[in-house]
Structure formats: structure tokens, C-alpha cells
PDB file of N, CA and C in Angstrom:
ATOM      1  N   MET A   1      94.281 -59.031 141.073  1.00  0.00           N
ATOM      2  CA  MET A   1      93.695 -60.090 141.735  1.00  0.00           C
ATOM      3  C   MET A   1      93.946 -61.294 141.041  1.00  0.00           C
ATOM      4  N   THR A   2      94.637 -62.429 142.080  1.00  0.00           N
ATOM      5  CA  THR A   2      95.305 -63.359 141.672  1.00  0.00           C
ATOM      6  C   THR A   2      94.322 -64.585 141.692  1.00  0.00           C
ATOM      7  N   ASP A   3      94.466 -65.835 141.029  1.00  0.00           N
ATOM      8  CA  ASP A   3      93.621 -66.863 140.907  1.00  0.00           C
ATOM      9  C   ASP A   3      93.362 -67.674 142.247  1.00  0.00           C
ATOM     10  N   ILE A   4      94.363 -67.436 142.756  1.00  0.00           N
ATOM     11  CA  ILE A   4      94.252 -68.203 144.274  1.00  0.00           C
ATOM     12  C   ILE A   4      93.981 -67.247 145.475  1.00  0.00           C
ATOM     13  N   THR A   5      93.509 -68.267 146.621  1.00  0.00           N
ATOM     14  CA  THR A   5      92.505 -67.303 147.851  1.00  0.00           C
ATOM     15  C   THR A   5      92.963 -68.392 149.132  1.00  0.00           C
ATOM     16  N   LEU A   6      93.558 -67.908 149.961  1.00  0.00           N
ATOM     17  CA  LEU A   6      93.779 -68.444 151.246  1.00  0.00           C
ATOM     18  C   LEU A   6      92.697 -68.117 152.539  1.00  0.00           C
ATOM     19  N   TYR A   7      91.776 -68.979 152.667  1.00  0.00           N
ATOM     20  CA  TYR A   7      91.405 -68.502 153.910  1.00  0.00           C
ATOM     21  C   TYR A   7      92.272 -68.951 155.284  1.00  0.00           C
ATOM     22  N   GLU A   8      92.432 -68.285 156.345  1.00  0.00           N
ATOM     23  CA  GLU A   8      93.228 -68.620 157.079  1.00  0.00           C
ATOM     24  C   GLU A   8      92.955 -67.813 158.115  1.00  0.00           C
ATOM     25  N   LEU A   9      93.732 -68.045 159.085  1.00  0.00           N
ATOM     26  CA  LEU A   9      93.634 -67.478 160.674  1.00  0.00           C
ATOM     27  C   LEU A   9      94.860 -66.845 161.295  1.00  0.00           C
ATOM     28  N   GLU A  10      94.920 -65.885 161.945  1.00  0.00           N
ATOM     29  CA  GLU A  10      95.871 -65.104 162.372  1.00  0.00           C
ATOM     30  C   GLU A  10      96.903 -65.982 163.368  1.00  0.00           C
ATOM     31  N   GLY A  11      97.978 -66.664 163.445  1.00  0.00           N
ATOM     32  CA  GLY A  11      98.664 -67.401 164.508  1.00  0.00           C
ATOM     33  C   GLY A  11      98.187 -69.379 164.545  1.00  0.00           C
ATOM     34  N   CYS A  12      97.487 -69.314 163.204  1.00  0.00           N
ATOM     35  CA  CYS A  12      97.460 -70.576 162.890  1.00  0.00           C
ATOM     36  C   CYS A  12      98.421 -71.428 161.967  1.00  0.00           C
ATOM     37  N   PRO A  13      98.892 -72.903 162.830  1.00  0.00           N
ATOM     38  CA  PRO A  13     100.267 -73.216 162.561  1.00  0.00           C
ATOM     39  C   PRO A  13     100.115 -73.829 161.101  1.00  0.00           C
ATOM     40  N   TYR A  14      98.798 -74.659 160.327  1.00  0.00           N
ATOM     41  CA  TYR A  14      98.362 -75.397 159.684  1.00  0.00           C
ATOM     42  C   TYR A  14      98.314 -74.143 158.631  1.00  0.00           C
ATOM     43  N   CYS A  15      97.871 -72.957 158.553  1.00  0.00           N
ATOM     44  CA  CYS A  15      97.500 -71.737 157.553  1.00  0.00           C
ATOM     45  C   CYS A  15      98.721 -71.495 157.494  1.00  0.00           C
ATOM     46  N   ALA A  16     100.391 -70.936 158.370  1.00  0.00           N
ATOM     47  CA  ALA A  16     101.602 -71.297 158.137  1.00  0.00           C
ATOM     48  C   ALA A  16     102.278 -71.735 157.151  1.00  0.00           C
ATOM     49  N   LYS A  17     102.255 -73.279 157.543  1.00  0.00           N
ATOM     50  CA  LYS A  17     102.504 -74.165 156.590  1.00  0.00           C
ATOM     51  C   LYS A  17     102.265 -74.417 155.103  1.00  0.00           C
ATOM     52  N   VAL A  18     100.770 -73.727 154.543  1.00  0.00           N
ATOM     53  CA  VAL A  18     100.752 -73.483 153.380  1.00  0.00           C
ATOM     54  C   VAL A  18     101.024 -72.168 153.027  1.00  0.00           C
ATOM     55  N   LYS A  19     101.197 -71.111 153.653  1.00  0.00           N
ATOM     56  CA  LYS A  19     101.690 -69.847 153.413  1.00  0.00           C
ATOM     57  C   LYS A  19     103.345 -70.031 152.716  1.00  0.00           C
ATOM     58  N   ASP A  20     104.289 -70.937 154.060  1.00  0.00           N
ATOM     59  CA  ASP A  20     105.526 -71.121 153.779  1.00  0.00           C
ATOM     60  C   ASP A  20     105.569 -71.884 151.793  1.00  0.00           C
ATOM     61  N   LYS A  21     104.816 -72.908 151.741  1.00  0.00           N
ATOM     62  CA  LYS A  21     104.712 -73.538 150.513  1.00  0.00           C
ATOM     63  C   LYS A  21     104.340 -72.299 149.627  1.00  0.00           C
ATOM     64  N   LEU A  22     103.412 -71.519 149.396  1.00  0.00           N
ATOM     65  CA  LEU A  22     103.099 -70.885 148.403  1.00  0.00           C
ATOM     66  C   LEU A  22     104.402 -69.453 148.391  1.00  0.00           C
ATOM     67  N   ALA A  23     104.968 -69.082 149.260  1.00  0.00           N
ATOM     68  CA  ALA A  23     106.002 -68.424 149.377  1.00  0.00           C
ATOM     69  C   ALA A  23     107.167 -69.329 148.704  1.00  0.00           C
ATOM     70  N   GLU A  24     107.217 -70.220 148.921  1.00  0.00           N
ATOM     71  CA  GLU A  24     108.314 -71.300 148.154  1.00  0.00           C
ATOM     72  C   GLU A  24     108.407 -71.425 146.728  1.00  0.00           C
ATOM     73  N   LEU A  25     107.218 -71.627 146.169  1.00  0.00           N
ATOM     74  CA  LEU A  25     107.070 -71.890 145.321  1.00  0.00           C
ATOM     75  C   LEU A  25     106.565 -70.546 144.417  1.00  0.00           C
ATOM     76  N   GLY A  26     106.838 -69.379 145.269  1.00  0.00           N
ATOM     77  CA  GLY A  26     106.830 -67.670 144.283  1.00  0.00           C
ATOM     78  C   GLY A  26     104.948 -67.561 143.976  1.00  0.00           C
ATOM     79  N   LEU A  27     103.880 -68.446 144.558  1.00  0.00           N
ATOM     80  CA  LEU A  27     102.776 -67.799 144.133  1.00  0.00           C
ATOM     81  C   LEU A  27     102.269 -66.465 144.828  1.00  0.00           C
ATOM     82  N   GLU A  28     101.438 -65.886 143.934  1.00  0.00           N
ATOM     83  CA  GLU A  28     100.796 -64.226 144.538  1.00  0.00           C
ATOM     84  C   GLU A  28      99.148 -65.199 144.882  1.00  0.00           C
ATOM     85  N   TYR A  29      98.752 -64.598 146.392  1.00  0.00           N
ATOM     86  CA  TYR A  29      97.585 -65.270 146.752  1.00  0.00           C
ATOM     87  C   TYR A  29      96.780 -64.024 147.174  1.00  0.00           C
ATOM     88  N   ASP A  30      95.539 -63.943 147.241  1.00  0.00           N
ATOM     89  CA  ASP A  30      94.669 -63.028 148.478  1.00  0.00           C
ATOM     90  C   ASP A  30      94.725 -64.075 149.873  1.00  0.00           C
ATOM     91  N   SER A  31      94.865 -63.071 150.579  1.00  0.00           N
ATOM     92  CA  SER A  31      94.280 -63.824 152.108  1.00  0.00           C
ATOM     93  C   SER A  31      93.024 -63.249 152.477  1.00  0.00           C
ATOM     94  N   VAL A  32      92.166 -64.100 153.103  1.00  0.00           N
ATOM     95  CA  VAL A  32      91.118 -63.503 153.657  1.00  0.00           C
ATOM     96  C   VAL A  32      91.198 -64.150 155.388  1.00  0.00           C
ATOM     97  N   MET A  33      91.709 -63.626 155.852  1.00  0.00           N
ATOM     98  CA  MET A  33      91.230 -63.865 157.360  1.00  0.00           C
ATOM     99  C   MET A  33      90.002 -63.959 157.817  1.00  0.00           C
ATOM    100  N   VAL A  34      89.838 -65.134 158.719  1.00  0.00           N
ATOM    101  CA  VAL A  34      88.480 -65.487 159.067  1.00  0.00           C
ATOM    102  C   VAL A  34      88.525 -65.206 160.540  1.00  0.00           C
ATOM    103  N   PRO A  35      86.957 -65.197 160.903  1.00  0.00           N
ATOM    104  CA  PRO A  35      86.932 -64.816 162.588  1.00  0.00           C
ATOM    105  C   PRO A  35      87.538 -66.036 163.753  1.00  0.00           C
ATOM    106  N   ARG A  36      87.784 -65.784 164.848  1.00  0.00           N
ATOM    107  CA  ARG A  36      88.358 -66.795 165.655  1.00  0.00           C
ATOM    108  C   ARG A  36      86.779 -67.734 165.955  1.00  0.00           C
ATOM    109  N   SER A  37      86.033 -67.780 165.936  1.00  0.00           N
ATOM    110  CA  SER A  37      84.988 -67.979 166.576  1.00  0.00           C
ATOM    111  C   SER A  37      84.363 -68.907 165.151  1.00  0.00           C
ATOM    112  N   HIS A  38      84.156 -70.021 165.134  1.00  0.00           N
ATOM    113  CA  HIS A  38      83.843 -71.231 164.368  1.00  0.00           C
ATOM    114  C   HIS A  38      82.319 -70.697 163.689  1.00  0.00           C
ATOM    115  N   GLY A  39      81.849 -70.010 164.758  1.00  0.00           N
ATOM    116  CA  GLY A  39      80.451 -69.660 164.484  1.00  0.00           C
ATOM    117  C   GLY A  39      80.062 -68.438 163.444  1.00  0.00           C
ATOM    118  N   GLU A  40      81.088 -67.503 163.468  1.00  0.00           N
ATOM    119  CA  GLU A  40      80.992 -66.693 162.691  1.00  0.00           C
ATOM    120  C   GLU A  40      81.892 -66.465 161.155  1.00  0.00           C
ATOM    121  N   ARG A  41      82.510 -68.052 161.278  1.00  0.00           N
ATOM    122  CA  ARG A  41      83.456 -67.880 159.671  1.00  0.00           C
ATOM    123  C   ARG A  41      82.224 -68.623 158.841  1.00  0.00           C
ATOM    124  N   ASP A  42      81.122 -67.392 158.384  1.00  0.00           N
ATOM    125  CA  ASP A  42      80.111 -68.008 157.119  1.00  0.00           C
ATOM    126  C   ASP A  42      80.774 -67.914 156.001  1.00  0.00           C
ATOM    127  N   GLU A  43      81.398 -66.888 155.931  1.00  0.00           N
ATOM    128  CA  GLU A  43      82.407 -67.048 154.334  1.00  0.00           C
ATOM    129  C   GLU A  43      83.276 -68.414 153.862  1.00  0.00           C
ATOM    130  N   VAL A  44      83.831 -68.938 154.757  1.00  0.00           N
ATOM    131  CA  VAL A  44      84.703 -69.952 154.441  1.00  0.00           C
ATOM    132  C   VAL A  44      83.753 -71.099 154.200  1.00  0.00           C
ATOM    133  N   LYS A  45      82.746 -71.205 155.294  1.00  0.00           N
ATOM    134  CA  LYS A  45      81.791 -72.083 154.976  1.00  0.00           C
ATOM    135  C   LYS A  45      80.938 -72.166 153.814  1.00  0.00           C
ATOM    136  N   ALA A  46      80.485 -70.989 152.990  1.00  0.00           N
ATOM    137  CA  ALA A  46      79.771 -70.913 152.322  1.00  0.00           C
ATOM    138  C   ALA A  46      80.527 -71.813 150.739  1.00  0.00           C
ATOM    139  N   VAL A  47      82.571 -71.391 151.053  1.00  0.00           N
ATOM    140  CA  VAL A  47      83.000 -72.023 149.867  1.00  0.00           C
ATOM    141  C   VAL A  47      83.411 -73.261 149.897  1.00  0.00           C
ATOM    142  N   SER A  48      83.495 -73.769 151.944  1.00  0.00           N
ATOM    143  CA  SER A  48      84.464 -75.447 151.519  1.00  0.00           C
ATOM    144  C   SER A  48      83.303 -76.206 152.163  1.00  0.00           C
ATOM    145  N   GLY A  49      82.340 -76.047 152.977  1.00  0.00           N
ATOM    146  CA  GLY A  49      81.171 -76.725 153.435  1.00  0.00           C
ATOM    147  C   GLY A  49      81.209 -76.996 154.858  1.00  0.00           C
ATOM    148  N   GLN A  50      82.344 -75.914 155.597  1.00  0.00           N
ATOM    149  CA  GLN A  50      83.025 -76.430 156.602  1.00  0.00           C
ATOM    150  C   GLN A  50      83.966 -75.031 157.286  1.00  0.00           C
ATOM    151  N   THR A  51      84.130 -74.995 158.576  1.00  0.00           N
ATOM    152  CA  THR A  51      84.232 -73.792 159.138  1.00  0.00           C
ATOM    153  C   THR A  51      85.802 -73.958 159.674  1.00  0.00           C
ATOM    154  N   GLY A  52      86.878 -74.791 159.339  1.00  0.00           N
ATOM    155  CA  GLY A  52      88.451 -75.065 159.523  1.00  0.00           C
ATOM    156  C   GLY A  52      89.207 -74.389 158.575  1.00  0.00           C
ATOM    157  N   VAL A  53      89.902 -74.046 158.897  1.00  0.00           N
ATOM    158  CA  VAL A  53      91.248 -73.704 157.620  1.00  0.00           C
ATOM    159  C   VAL A  53      92.423 -74.184 158.068  1.00  0.00           C
ATOM    160  N   PRO A  54      93.120 -74.290 157.439  1.00  0.00           N
ATOM    161  CA  PRO A  54      93.236 -73.230 155.716  1.00  0.00           C
ATOM    162  C   PRO A  54      92.317 -73.911 154.943  1.00  0.00           C
ATOM    163  N   VAL A  55      91.915 -72.881 153.982  1.00  0.00           N
ATOM    164  CA  VAL A  55      91.111 -73.145 152.874  1.00  0.00           C
ATOM    165  C   VAL A  55      91.631 -72.783 151.564  1.00  0.00           C
ATOM    166  N   LEU A  56      91.905 -73.785 150.393  1.00  0.00           N
ATOM    167  CA  LEU A  56      92.466 -73.018 149.192  1.00  0.00           C
ATOM    168  C   LEU A  56      91.405 -73.045 148.275  1.00  0.00           C
ATOM    169  N   VAL A  57      91.515 -71.727 147.419  1.00  0.00           N
ATOM    170  CA  VAL A  57      90.451 -71.614 146.373  1.00  0.00           C
ATOM    171  C   VAL A  57      91.449 -71.186 144.984  1.00  0.00           C
ATOM    172  N   ASP A  58      91.438 -72.170 143.866  1.00  0.00           N
ATOM    173  CA  ASP A  58      92.407 -71.609 142.708  1.00  0.00           C
ATOM    174  C   ASP A  58      91.286 -71.750 142.064  1.00  0.00           C
ATOM    175  N   GLU A  59      90.987 -70.588 141.381  1.00  0.00           N
ATOM    176  CA  GLU A  59      89.920 -70.440 140.291  1.00  0.00           C
ATOM    177  C   GLU A  59      90.618 -71.062 138.860  1.00  0.00           C
ATOM    178  N   ALA A  60      91.930 -70.560 138.471  1.00  0.00           N
ATOM    179  CA  ALA A  60      92.445 -71.283 137.413  1.00  0.00           C
ATOM    180  C   ALA A  60      92.105 -72.815 137.388  1.00  0.00           C
ATOM    181  N   HIS A  61      92.385 -73.139 138.055  1.00  0.00           N
ATOM    182  CA  HIS A  61      92.345 -74.889 138.357  1.00  0.00           C
ATOM    183  C   HIS A  61      91.121 -75.369 138.784  1.00  0.00           C
ATOM    184  N   GLY A  62      90.065 -74.615 139.201  1.00  0.00           N
ATOM    185  CA  GLY A  62      89.065 -75.473 139.125  1.00  0.00           C
ATOM    186  C   GLY A  62      88.587 -75.752 140.726  1.00  0.00           C
ATOM    187  N   VAL A  63      89.707 -75.137 141.919  1.00  0.00           N
ATOM    188  CA  VAL A  63      89.740 -75.519 143.134  1.00  0.00           C
ATOM    189  C   VAL A  63      88.142 -74.404 143.729  1.00  0.00           C
ATOM    190  N   GLU A  64      87.746 -75.285 144.288  1.00  0.00           N
ATOM    191  CA  GLU A  64      86.591 -74.254 144.707  1.00  0.00           C
ATOM    192  C   GLU A  64      86.695 -74.152 146.341  1.00  0.00           C
ATOM    193  N   GLY A  65      87.803 -74.958 146.975  1.00  0.00           N
ATOM    194  CA  GLY A  65      87.360 -74.753 148.522  1.00  0.00           C
ATOM    195  C   GLY A  65      88.133 -75.824 148.924  1.00  0.00           C
ATOM    196  N   MET A  66      89.636 -76.003 148.659  1.00  0.00           N
ATOM    197  CA  MET A  66      90.063 -77.451 149.255  1.00  0.00           C
ATOM    198  C   MET A  66      90.656 -77.091 151.092  1.00  0.00           C
ATOM    199  N   PRO A  67      90.404 -77.991 151.549  1.00  0.00           N
ATOM    200  CA  PRO A  67      90.509 -78.462 153.135  1.00  0.00           C
ATOM    201  C   PRO A  67      91.911 -78.788 153.320  1.00  0.00           C
ATOM    202  N   GLU A  68      92.303 -78.625 154.440  1.00  0.00           N
ATOM    203  CA  GLU A  68      93.265 -79.663 155.086  1.00  0.00           C
ATOM    204  C   GLU A  68      94.821 -79.094 154.368  1.00  0.00           C
ATOM    205  N   SER A  69      95.663 -79.023 155.318  1.00  0.00           N
ATOM    206  CA  SER A  69      96.893 -78.141 154.947  1.00  0.00           C
ATOM    207  C   SER A  69      97.291 -79.107 154.024  1.00  0.00           C
ATOM    208  N   ASP A  70      97.736 -80.448 154.302  1.00  0.00           N
ATOM    209  CA  ASP A  70      98.573 -81.304 153.718  1.00  0.00           C
ATOM    210  C   ASP A  70      98.020 -81.721 152.483  1.00  0.00           C
ATOM    211  N   ASP A  71      96.617 -81.659 152.089  1.00  0.00           N
ATOM    212  CA  ASP A  71      96.145 -81.829 151.090  1.00  0.00           C
ATOM    213  C   ASP A  71      96.422 -80.654 150.102  1.00  0.00           C
ATOM    214  N   ILE A  72      96.662 -79.507 150.471  1.00  0.00           N
ATOM    215  CA  ILE A  72      96.686 -78.064 149.892  1.00  0.00           C
ATOM    216  C   ILE A  72      98.430 -78.204 149.630  1.00  0.00           C
ATOM    217  N   VAL A  73      99.114 -78.398 150.304  1.00  0.00           N
ATOM    218  CA  VAL A  73     100.650 -78.432 150.120  1.00  0.00           C
ATOM    219  C   VAL A  73     101.066 -79.488 149.059  1.00  0.00           C
ATOM    220  N   GLU A  74      99.977 -80.459 149.064  1.00  0.00           N
ATOM    221  CA  GLU A  74     100.509 -81.579 148.121  1.00  0.00           C
ATOM    222  C   GLU A  74      99.841 -81.013 147.023  1.00  0.00           C
ATOM    223  N   TYR A  75      98.614 -80.371 146.771  1.00  0.00           N
ATOM    224  CA  TYR A  75      98.397 -79.880 145.445  1.00  0.00           C
ATOM    225  C   TYR A  75      98.997 -78.594 144.791  1.00  0.00           C
ATOM    226  N   LEU A  76      99.717 -77.963 145.679  1.00  0.00           N
ATOM    227  CA  LEU A  76     100.500 -76.837 145.607  1.00  0.00           C
ATOM    228  C   LEU A  76     101.949 -77.234 144.600  1.00  0.00           C
ATOM    229  N   GLU A  77     102.476 -78.596 145.315  1.00  0.00           N
ATOM    230  CA  GLU A  77     103.640 -78.970 144.490  1.00  0.00           C
ATOM    231  C   GLU A  77     103.434 -80.080 143.431  1.00  0.00           C
ATOM    232  N   GLU A  78     102.151 -80.404 143.366  1.00  0.00           N
ATOM    233  CA  GLU A  78     101.673 -81.310 142.010  1.00  0.00           C
ATOM    234  C   GLU A  78     101.699 -80.378 140.956  1.00  0.00           C
ATOM    235  N   THR A  79     100.797 -79.323 141.401  1.00  0.00           N
ATOM    236  CA  THR A  79     100.415 -78.064 140.203  1.00  0.00           C
ATOM    237  C   THR A  79     101.399 -77.049 140.199  1.00  0.00           C
ATOM    238  N   TYR A  80     102.092 -76.669 140.545  1.00  0.00           N
ATOM    239  CA  TYR A  80     102.625 -75.425 140.368  1.00  0.00           C
ATOM    240  C   TYR A  80     104.419 -75.591 140.754  1.00  0.00           C
ATOM    241  N   ALA A  81     104.985 -76.754 141.374  1.00  0.00           N
ATOM    242  CA  ALA A  81     106.358 -76.958 141.258  1.00  0.00           C
ATOM    243  C   ALA A  81     106.757 -77.395 139.997  1.00  0.00           C
TER     244      ALA A  81
END
């Protein structure tokens, strides 16, 4: 198990942007696919307080549910690059 978890939706361009950065940095992560319906995204809402994706959790650095792809990419660059 890795410290990084990415909540994502298949076909989501914002999620793809984060996955590309994770791959570029050679980071292993667990992927959690969320349902298409926002009303069924209980797990990601519990983690981040909202139902949008992507959402990043990085237990090693105390990140418990970071939303917004641009913020996640910036965080990954600052923390792991």
C-alpha cells in the first residue's frame, strides 16, 4: 500500500492531468474510482468535504483530501520533484 491515494473518474481530463504528473515523478499511488453520479460519491465527500474529483490524499505529508487538479499538481511538484 502506498501513502498516496487519488480519487478519480474515468475519462476526467483533470484527473488525467494529475495522473500524468504522478507518472512523471515516478510516484506510486492507489486509485479509487468514484461513481459518475455526484450523489453516490460518499467516500470522496467524506475525505474532502466535496464530491468533485480529482482528490489527493497523501498520508505521509498529512494531506487528507486536496481537491483541484492545479493545486494537486503544484503540491506534487513542490513535495516530490
